[in-house]
Amino acid sequence: MAQQILCHQRTRLSYKDAYGYVIPVGSASLMAWVTDEGMIGTEGFDIEALANAGVPAAIVGVSEESSLDNLDDLMDAEVKAANLPAVQRRVEIGMPGREALNRM
């Protein structure tokens, strides 16, 4: 069995830093970018539970022809769902993950 490793990295957005995480879970991985105010992530995160805490969050994904293989892909993927705190920060379905994260 291959060793699974939690991955963590940092990137600079327009006005703030974001921290990326890859969390191995069985044969899959949860991926997320987190700022001081919100997050974007793959399916598997409960963005409505985060909304109850007032945290803006969005789920990003790609078309069937491509995949999310790393944290950079997450930034380029488009928003598929957003909770109310994210919508209040002008996060829209279809926008790139990086743009959504800049608004959180």
N, C-alpha and C. Protein backbone atom coordinates (compact mmCIF):
# COMPACT_ATOMS: atom_id res chain seq x y z
N MET A 1 0.84 -1.18 0.00
CA MET A 1 0.00 0.00 0.00
C MET A 1 0.89 1.24 0.00
N ALA A 2 0.59 2.16 -0.88
CA ALA A 2 1.37 3.40 -0.98
C ALA A 2 1.11 4.29 0.23
N GLN A 3 2.13 4.96 0.66
CA GLN A 3 1.99 5.88 1.78
C GLN A 3 1.25 7.13 1.33
N GLN A 4 0.27 7.54 2.12
CA GLN A 4 -0.48 8.75 1.81
C GLN A 4 0.03 9.87 2.69
N ILE A 5 0.24 11.02 2.09
CA ILE A 5 0.84 12.14 2.80
C ILE A 5 -0.05 13.37 2.67
N LEU A 6 -0.28 14.02 3.80
CA LEU A 6 -0.98 15.29 3.79
C LEU A 6 -0.08 16.32 3.13
N CYS A 7 -0.62 17.08 2.19
CA CYS A 7 0.16 18.09 1.47
C CYS A 7 -0.33 19.47 1.88
N HIS A 8 0.60 20.37 2.05
CA HIS A 8 0.27 21.74 2.45
C HIS A 8 1.16 22.69 1.67
N GLN A 9 0.58 23.72 1.08
CA GLN A 9 1.38 24.74 0.40
C GLN A 9 0.72 26.11 0.52
N ARG A 10 1.49 27.13 0.22
CA ARG A 10 1.03 28.51 0.34
C ARG A 10 1.18 29.20 -1.01
N THR A 11 0.23 30.10 -1.32
CA THR A 11 0.33 30.92 -2.52
C THR A 11 -0.17 32.32 -2.20
N ARG A 12 0.27 33.25 -3.00
CA ARG A 12 -0.15 34.65 -2.82
C ARG A 12 -1.26 34.96 -3.82
N LEU A 13 -2.38 35.46 -3.32
CA LEU A 13 -3.48 35.93 -4.16
C LEU A 13 -3.28 37.43 -4.38
N SER A 14 -4.27 38.11 -4.90
CA SER A 14 -4.14 39.54 -5.17
C SER A 14 -3.83 40.35 -3.92
N TYR A 15 -4.51 40.04 -2.82
CA TYR A 15 -4.36 40.86 -1.62
C TYR A 15 -4.12 40.06 -0.35
N LYS A 16 -3.97 38.77 -0.45
CA LYS A 16 -3.82 37.94 0.74
C LYS A 16 -3.17 36.62 0.39
N ASP A 17 -2.83 35.86 1.39
CA ASP A 17 -2.28 34.53 1.20
C ASP A 17 -3.39 33.49 1.26
N ALA A 18 -3.18 32.39 0.58
CA ALA A 18 -4.07 31.23 0.65
C ALA A 18 -3.21 30.00 0.95
N TYR A 19 -3.79 29.09 1.67
CA TYR A 19 -3.09 27.86 2.05
C TYR A 19 -3.84 26.68 1.45
N GLY A 20 -3.10 25.84 0.73
CA GLY A 20 -3.69 24.69 0.07
C GLY A 20 -3.42 23.42 0.83
N TYR A 21 -4.41 22.55 0.83
CA TYR A 21 -4.30 21.27 1.54
C TYR A 21 -4.81 20.15 0.65
N VAL A 22 -4.08 19.05 0.64
CA VAL A 22 -4.54 17.81 0.02
C VAL A 22 -4.61 16.80 1.15
N ILE A 23 -5.80 16.26 1.39
CA ILE A 23 -6.02 15.34 2.49
C ILE A 23 -6.39 13.97 1.91
N PRO A 24 -5.48 13.00 2.01
CA PRO A 24 -5.79 11.66 1.49
C PRO A 24 -6.88 11.00 2.34
N VAL A 25 -7.90 10.46 1.66
CA VAL A 25 -8.98 9.75 2.32
C VAL A 25 -9.25 8.49 1.51
N GLY A 26 -8.77 7.35 1.98
CA GLY A 26 -8.92 6.12 1.22
C GLY A 26 -8.20 6.25 -0.11
N SER A 27 -8.88 5.94 -1.20
CA SER A 27 -8.26 6.03 -2.52
C SER A 27 -8.46 7.40 -3.16
N ALA A 28 -9.17 8.29 -2.47
CA ALA A 28 -9.44 9.64 -2.99
C ALA A 28 -8.66 10.66 -2.17
N SER A 29 -8.76 11.91 -2.59
CA SER A 29 -8.16 13.01 -1.84
C SER A 29 -9.11 14.19 -1.82
N LEU A 30 -9.26 14.80 -0.65
CA LEU A 30 -9.98 16.07 -0.53
C LEU A 30 -8.96 17.16 -0.74
N MET A 31 -9.30 18.18 -1.52
CA MET A 31 -8.39 19.30 -1.74
C MET A 31 -9.12 20.60 -1.44
N ALA A 32 -8.38 21.55 -0.85
CA ALA A 32 -8.97 22.84 -0.53
C ALA A 32 -7.90 23.92 -0.50
N TRP A 33 -8.32 25.14 -0.83
CA TRP A 33 -7.54 26.36 -0.62
C TRP A 33 -8.31 27.16 0.41
N VAL A 34 -7.62 27.66 1.43
CA VAL A 34 -8.24 28.36 2.54
C VAL A 34 -7.57 29.73 2.71
N THR A 35 -8.39 30.77 2.89
CA THR A 35 -7.87 32.10 3.23
C THR A 35 -8.28 32.41 4.67
N ASP A 36 -7.99 33.61 5.11
CA ASP A 36 -8.37 34.02 6.46
C ASP A 36 -9.88 34.16 6.60
N GLU A 37 -10.63 34.16 5.48
CA GLU A 37 -12.08 34.37 5.55
C GLU A 37 -12.91 33.26 4.93
N GLY A 38 -12.38 32.47 4.01
CA GLY A 38 -13.20 31.48 3.33
C GLY A 38 -12.39 30.40 2.67
N MET A 39 -13.06 29.59 1.84
CA MET A 39 -12.37 28.48 1.20
C MET A 39 -13.05 28.05 -0.10
N ILE A 40 -12.26 27.41 -0.96
CA ILE A 40 -12.79 26.66 -2.09
C ILE A 40 -12.30 25.23 -1.91
N GLY A 41 -13.08 24.28 -2.35
CA GLY A 41 -12.66 22.89 -2.19
C GLY A 41 -13.37 21.97 -3.15
N THR A 42 -12.94 20.74 -3.14
CA THR A 42 -13.56 19.70 -3.95
C THR A 42 -14.85 19.23 -3.28
N GLU A 43 -15.63 18.47 -4.02
CA GLU A 43 -16.82 17.86 -3.43
C GLU A 43 -16.36 17.03 -2.24
N GLY A 44 -17.16 17.00 -1.22
CA GLY A 44 -16.78 16.29 -0.01
C GLY A 44 -16.77 17.23 1.18
N PHE A 45 -16.69 18.54 0.91
CA PHE A 45 -16.78 19.53 1.98
C PHE A 45 -18.24 19.98 2.09
N ASP A 46 -18.71 20.15 3.30
CA ASP A 46 -20.09 20.58 3.55
C ASP A 46 -20.12 22.10 3.64
N ILE A 47 -20.36 22.75 2.50
CA ILE A 47 -20.32 24.21 2.48
C ILE A 47 -21.51 24.82 3.22
N GLU A 48 -22.61 24.09 3.36
CA GLU A 48 -23.75 24.62 4.11
C GLU A 48 -23.47 24.61 5.60
N ALA A 49 -22.75 23.62 6.09
CA ALA A 49 -22.34 23.62 7.50
C ALA A 49 -21.42 24.81 7.76
N LEU A 50 -20.54 25.12 6.80
CA LEU A 50 -19.67 26.29 6.94
C LEU A 50 -20.49 27.58 6.92
N ALA A 51 -21.56 27.60 6.11
CA ALA A 51 -22.43 28.78 6.06
C ALA A 51 -23.06 29.03 7.42
N ASN A 52 -23.41 27.96 8.14
CA ASN A 52 -24.00 28.12 9.48
C ASN A 52 -23.03 28.81 10.43
N ALA A 53 -21.74 28.70 10.16
CA ALA A 53 -20.72 29.37 10.96
C ALA A 53 -20.34 30.72 10.35
N GLY A 54 -21.00 31.10 9.25
CA GLY A 54 -20.72 32.38 8.59
C GLY A 54 -19.49 32.37 7.70
N VAL A 55 -19.01 31.18 7.35
CA VAL A 55 -17.80 31.06 6.54
C VAL A 55 -18.18 30.92 5.07
N PRO A 56 -17.70 31.84 4.20
CA PRO A 56 -17.95 31.69 2.77
C PRO A 56 -17.17 30.51 2.21
N ALA A 57 -17.85 29.69 1.42
CA ALA A 57 -17.20 28.51 0.86
C ALA A 57 -17.83 28.16 -0.48
N ALA A 58 -17.01 27.58 -1.36
CA ALA A 58 -17.49 27.16 -2.67
C ALA A 58 -16.88 25.82 -3.04
N ILE A 59 -17.65 25.04 -3.78
CA ILE A 59 -17.17 23.79 -4.35
C ILE A 59 -16.76 24.08 -5.78
N VAL A 60 -15.57 23.63 -6.16
CA VAL A 60 -15.11 23.80 -7.53
C VAL A 60 -14.97 22.43 -8.18
N GLY A 61 -15.10 22.41 -9.49
CA GLY A 61 -14.97 21.17 -10.23
C GLY A 61 -14.60 21.44 -11.67
N VAL A 62 -14.43 20.37 -12.41
CA VAL A 62 -14.05 20.46 -13.81
C VAL A 62 -15.03 19.66 -14.65
N SER A 63 -14.91 19.82 -15.95
CA SER A 63 -15.77 19.07 -16.86
C SER A 63 -15.36 17.60 -16.87
N GLU A 64 -16.18 16.79 -17.49
CA GLU A 64 -15.91 15.35 -17.53
C GLU A 64 -14.63 15.02 -18.30
N GLU A 65 -14.18 15.91 -19.18
CA GLU A 65 -13.00 15.66 -19.99
C GLU A 65 -11.69 15.89 -19.23
N SER A 66 -11.75 16.56 -18.09
CA SER A 66 -10.52 16.86 -17.35
C SER A 66 -10.69 16.41 -15.90
N SER A 67 -9.64 16.60 -15.12
CA SER A 67 -9.68 16.15 -13.73
C SER A 67 -8.95 17.14 -12.83
N LEU A 68 -9.18 16.99 -11.55
CA LEU A 68 -8.47 17.78 -10.54
C LEU A 68 -7.36 16.90 -9.98
N ASP A 69 -6.14 17.13 -10.41
CA ASP A 69 -5.02 16.30 -9.99
C ASP A 69 -4.16 16.94 -8.92
N ASN A 70 -4.22 18.27 -8.80
CA ASN A 70 -3.36 18.95 -7.83
C ASN A 70 -4.00 20.28 -7.42
N LEU A 71 -3.35 20.97 -6.50
CA LEU A 71 -3.91 22.22 -5.99
C LEU A 71 -3.98 23.32 -7.04
N ASP A 72 -3.05 23.33 -7.99
CA ASP A 72 -3.11 24.32 -9.07
C ASP A 72 -4.37 24.12 -9.91
N ASP A 73 -4.75 22.87 -10.15
CA ASP A 73 -5.97 22.58 -10.89
C ASP A 73 -7.20 23.14 -10.18
N LEU A 74 -7.16 23.12 -8.85
CA LEU A 74 -8.28 23.63 -8.06
C LEU A 74 -8.48 25.13 -8.30
N MET A 75 -7.40 25.86 -8.41
CA MET A 75 -7.49 27.30 -8.67
C MET A 75 -8.09 27.59 -10.05
N ASP A 76 -7.81 26.71 -11.02
CA ASP A 76 -8.28 26.91 -12.38
C ASP A 76 -9.69 26.36 -12.61
N ALA A 77 -10.16 25.47 -11.73
CA ALA A 77 -11.48 24.86 -11.88
C ALA A 77 -12.57 25.91 -11.64
N GLU A 78 -13.77 25.62 -12.14
CA GLU A 78 -14.84 26.59 -12.00
C GLU A 78 -15.73 26.27 -10.81
N VAL A 79 -16.31 27.32 -10.26
CA VAL A 79 -17.22 27.18 -9.12
C VAL A 79 -18.47 26.45 -9.58
N LYS A 80 -18.81 25.38 -8.86
CA LYS A 80 -20.01 24.58 -9.16
C LYS A 80 -21.13 24.86 -8.15
N ALA A 81 -20.74 25.27 -6.94
CA ALA A 81 -21.72 25.58 -5.88
C ALA A 81 -21.09 26.56 -4.92
N ALA A 82 -21.91 27.44 -4.34
CA ALA A 82 -21.42 28.41 -3.37
C ALA A 82 -22.48 28.60 -2.29
N ASN A 83 -22.04 28.77 -1.06
CA ASN A 83 -23.01 29.01 0.02
C ASN A 83 -23.37 30.50 0.07
N LEU A 84 -24.34 30.84 0.91
CA LEU A 84 -24.84 32.22 0.97
C LEU A 84 -23.75 33.23 1.36
N PRO A 85 -22.91 32.96 2.37
CA PRO A 85 -21.85 33.94 2.65
C PRO A 85 -20.92 34.18 1.46
N ALA A 86 -20.67 33.16 0.64
CA ALA A 86 -19.84 33.34 -0.56
C ALA A 86 -20.58 34.17 -1.60
N VAL A 87 -21.85 33.89 -1.81
CA VAL A 87 -22.66 34.66 -2.77
C VAL A 87 -22.72 36.13 -2.35
N GLN A 88 -22.80 36.38 -1.06
CA GLN A 88 -22.81 37.76 -0.57
C GLN A 88 -21.49 38.48 -0.84
N ARG A 89 -20.44 37.71 -1.11
CA ARG A 89 -19.14 38.29 -1.49
C ARG A 89 -18.94 38.25 -3.01
N ARG A 90 -20.04 38.11 -3.73
CA ARG A 90 -20.07 38.14 -5.20
C ARG A 90 -19.39 36.93 -5.85
N VAL A 91 -19.36 35.79 -5.17
CA VAL A 91 -18.89 34.55 -5.79
C VAL A 91 -20.03 34.03 -6.65
N GLU A 92 -19.71 33.68 -7.90
CA GLU A 92 -20.72 33.24 -8.86
C GLU A 92 -20.39 31.87 -9.43
N ILE A 93 -21.43 31.12 -9.73
CA ILE A 93 -21.26 29.82 -10.39
C ILE A 93 -20.58 30.06 -11.74
N GLY A 94 -19.58 29.25 -12.04
CA GLY A 94 -18.88 29.35 -13.32
C GLY A 94 -17.58 30.15 -13.28
N MET A 95 -17.38 30.96 -12.24
CA MET A 95 -16.13 31.74 -12.18
C MET A 95 -14.98 30.82 -11.76
N PRO A 96 -13.76 31.17 -12.13
CA PRO A 96 -12.59 30.36 -11.72
C PRO A 96 -12.42 30.37 -10.20
N GLY A 97 -11.89 29.29 -9.68
CA GLY A 97 -11.66 29.16 -8.26
C GLY A 97 -10.78 30.27 -7.70
N ARG A 98 -9.75 30.66 -8.44
CA ARG A 98 -8.86 31.72 -7.97
C ARG A 98 -9.62 33.03 -7.76
N GLU A 99 -10.49 33.36 -8.71
CA GLU A 99 -11.27 34.60 -8.59
C GLU A 99 -12.22 34.53 -7.39
N ALA A 100 -12.86 33.38 -7.21
CA ALA A 100 -13.75 33.21 -6.06
C ALA A 100 -12.98 33.37 -4.76
N LEU A 101 -11.81 32.75 -4.68
CA LEU A 101 -10.99 32.82 -3.46
C LEU A 101 -10.55 34.25 -3.18
N ASN A 102 -10.26 35.01 -4.22
CA ASN A 102 -9.88 36.41 -4.04
C ASN A 102 -11.02 37.24 -3.44
N ARG A 103 -12.25 36.80 -3.64
CA ARG A 103 -13.41 37.54 -3.11
C ARG A 103 -13.77 37.14 -1.69
N MET A 104 -13.09 36.12 -1.17
CA MET A 104 -13.37 35.66 0.19
C MET A 104 -12.30 36.12 1.15
